[in-house]
Amino acid sequence: MPESRRRVEEAMRDWGEPGDRIDAAALVVTELVANAVQHTDSRRIRCRLLRSRSGVRICVWNRGSGHARIPSPTPPGDLATAPGECPEPEELAEDGRGLLLVDALAARWGTSTGVAGRLVWADI
């Protein structure tokens, strides 16, 4: 994951992208690669960065079977606790937190699954 993050930062700096867009892209690629590592049965993961007039698209592809699920973003208000109370540690969902970050930082994002694997992309 650090390698993907570093390469995204370098490419975007070379393109003259603004610092806030570079920071957002670095966080997004980190989350997408982490999800690919955690939620696939394959260790072959590829990242691609595409630049257009409207921004930058981050693509993360894995060669998994396509049966591994992508976690759904878990909204912070989904905990069954009274206002002012803290949830028990076992109530804090791990899956989906990174995708909340992706959802907040990306203009849009999505997935595509096929015979060759799964692609997750995000536009910054």
Protein backbone atom coordinates (compact mmCIF):
# COMPACT_ATOMS: atom_id res chain seq x y z
CA MET A 1 0.00 0.00 0.00
CA PRO A 2 2.75 2.51 0.72
CA GLU A 3 4.14 1.91 -2.79
CA SER A 4 0.79 2.69 -4.44
CA ARG A 5 0.39 5.80 -2.32
CA ARG A 6 3.90 7.04 -3.12
CA ARG A 7 3.47 6.49 -6.86
CA VAL A 8 0.14 8.32 -6.92
CA GLU A 9 1.65 11.26 -5.04
CA GLU A 10 4.67 11.41 -7.38
CA ALA A 11 2.61 11.23 -10.57
CA MET A 12 0.18 13.88 -9.43
CA ARG A 13 2.98 16.21 -8.31
CA ASP A 14 4.61 15.75 -11.74
CA TRP A 15 1.28 16.67 -13.36
CA GLY A 16 1.10 19.84 -11.25
CA GLU A 17 -2.05 18.79 -9.37
CA PRO A 18 -2.91 20.87 -6.28
CA GLY A 19 -1.83 19.57 -2.88
CA ASP A 20 -5.34 18.94 -1.59
CA ARG A 21 -6.14 16.74 -4.60
CA ILE A 22 -2.86 14.85 -4.11
CA ASP A 23 -3.66 14.26 -0.44
CA ALA A 24 -7.18 13.06 -1.27
CA ALA A 25 -5.91 10.71 -3.97
CA ALA A 26 -3.25 9.29 -1.64
CA LEU A 27 -5.87 8.46 0.99
CA VAL A 28 -8.27 7.00 -1.56
CA VAL A 29 -5.68 4.73 -3.19
CA THR A 30 -4.59 3.53 0.26
CA GLU A 31 -8.17 2.56 1.14
CA LEU A 32 -8.91 0.92 -2.21
CA VAL A 33 -5.73 -1.16 -2.15
CA ALA A 34 -6.32 -2.12 1.49
CA ASN A 35 -9.82 -3.33 0.57
CA ALA A 36 -8.45 -5.29 -2.37
CA VAL A 37 -5.88 -6.97 -0.13
CA GLN A 38 -8.38 -7.73 2.61
CA HIS A 39 -11.42 -8.75 0.57
CA THR A 40 -10.03 -10.86 -2.26
CA ASP A 41 -8.57 -14.31 -2.53
CA SER A 42 -5.88 -13.06 -4.93
CA ARG A 43 -2.68 -11.21 -4.19
CA ARG A 44 -2.39 -9.84 -7.73
CA ILE A 45 -3.52 -6.25 -7.47
CA ARG A 46 -2.94 -3.50 -10.02
CA CYS A 47 -3.34 0.24 -9.67
CA ARG A 48 -3.72 2.71 -12.48
CA LEU A 49 -3.99 6.47 -12.42
CA LEU A 50 -5.73 8.21 -15.32
CA ARG A 51 -5.74 11.95 -15.87
CA SER A 52 -8.40 13.86 -17.76
CA ARG A 53 -9.55 17.46 -18.07
CA SER A 54 -12.03 16.93 -15.25
CA GLY A 55 -9.65 15.32 -12.75
CA VAL A 56 -7.92 12.07 -11.90
CA ARG A 57 -9.35 8.55 -11.82
CA ILE A 58 -7.80 5.95 -9.53
CA CYS A 59 -8.37 2.36 -10.64
CA VAL A 60 -7.60 -0.65 -8.45
CA TRP A 61 -8.03 -4.07 -10.06
CA ASN A 62 -7.65 -7.49 -8.52
CA ARG A 63 -7.77 -10.87 -10.11
CA GLY A 64 -9.92 -12.37 -7.40
CA SER A 65 -12.73 -14.77 -8.08
CA GLY A 66 -15.30 -11.99 -7.98
CA HIS A 67 -17.04 -13.71 -5.07
CA ALA A 68 -15.34 -11.64 -2.41
CA ARG A 69 -17.63 -8.87 -1.32
CA ILE A 70 -16.88 -5.18 -1.20
CA PRO A 71 -17.90 -3.88 2.22
CA SER A 72 -20.67 -1.30 2.31
CA PRO A 73 -19.91 2.10 3.82
CA THR A 74 -21.06 2.04 7.45
CA PRO A 75 -22.58 5.38 8.44
CA PRO A 76 -21.44 6.53 11.89
CA GLY A 77 -25.07 6.90 13.04
CA ASP A 78 -25.76 3.17 12.65
CA LEU A 79 -24.98 2.35 16.28
CA ALA A 80 -27.81 1.49 18.67
CA THR A 81 -26.71 3.67 21.60
CA ALA A 82 -28.41 6.50 23.41
CA PRO A 83 -27.13 10.04 22.75
CA GLY A 84 -24.01 10.73 24.79
CA GLU A 85 -23.24 7.03 25.35
CA CYS A 86 -20.26 5.26 23.84
CA PRO A 87 -20.80 1.96 22.05
CA GLU A 88 -19.11 -1.20 23.25
CA PRO A 89 -15.94 -2.04 21.25
CA GLU A 90 -17.62 -5.07 19.64
CA GLU A 91 -20.34 -2.75 18.25
CA LEU A 92 -17.83 -0.72 16.24
CA ALA A 93 -17.89 -2.17 12.73
CA GLU A 94 -14.52 -2.43 11.01
CA ASP A 95 -15.82 -3.03 7.49
CA GLY A 96 -16.89 -0.03 5.49
CA ARG A 97 -15.04 2.75 7.31
CA GLY A 98 -12.51 3.21 4.54
CA LEU A 99 -15.27 3.42 1.96
CA LEU A 100 -16.85 6.26 3.92
CA LEU A 101 -13.56 8.09 3.44
CA VAL A 102 -13.52 7.22 -0.28
CA ASP A 103 -17.14 8.38 -0.58
CA ALA A 104 -16.31 11.68 1.14
CA LEU A 105 -13.16 12.42 -0.89
CA ALA A 106 -14.14 11.18 -4.34
CA ALA A 107 -16.44 13.04 -6.69
CA ARG A 108 -17.81 9.59 -7.50
CA TRP A 109 -16.68 5.98 -7.25
CA GLY A 110 -17.88 2.57 -8.28
CA THR A 111 -17.11 -1.07 -8.94
CA SER A 112 -17.25 -3.51 -11.79
CA THR A 113 -16.94 -7.28 -11.46
CA GLY A 114 -16.29 -9.70 -14.29
CA VAL A 115 -14.72 -13.01 -15.13
CA ALA A 116 -11.24 -11.44 -15.05
CA GLY A 117 -11.66 -9.95 -11.56
CA ARG A 118 -12.90 -6.79 -9.90
CA LEU A 119 -12.23 -3.13 -10.65
CA VAL A 120 -12.88 -0.40 -8.10
CA TRP A 121 -12.45 3.18 -9.27
CA ALA A 122 -12.69 6.65 -7.79
CA ASP A 123 -12.68 10.07 -9.45
CA ILE A 124 -10.82 12.78 -7.56
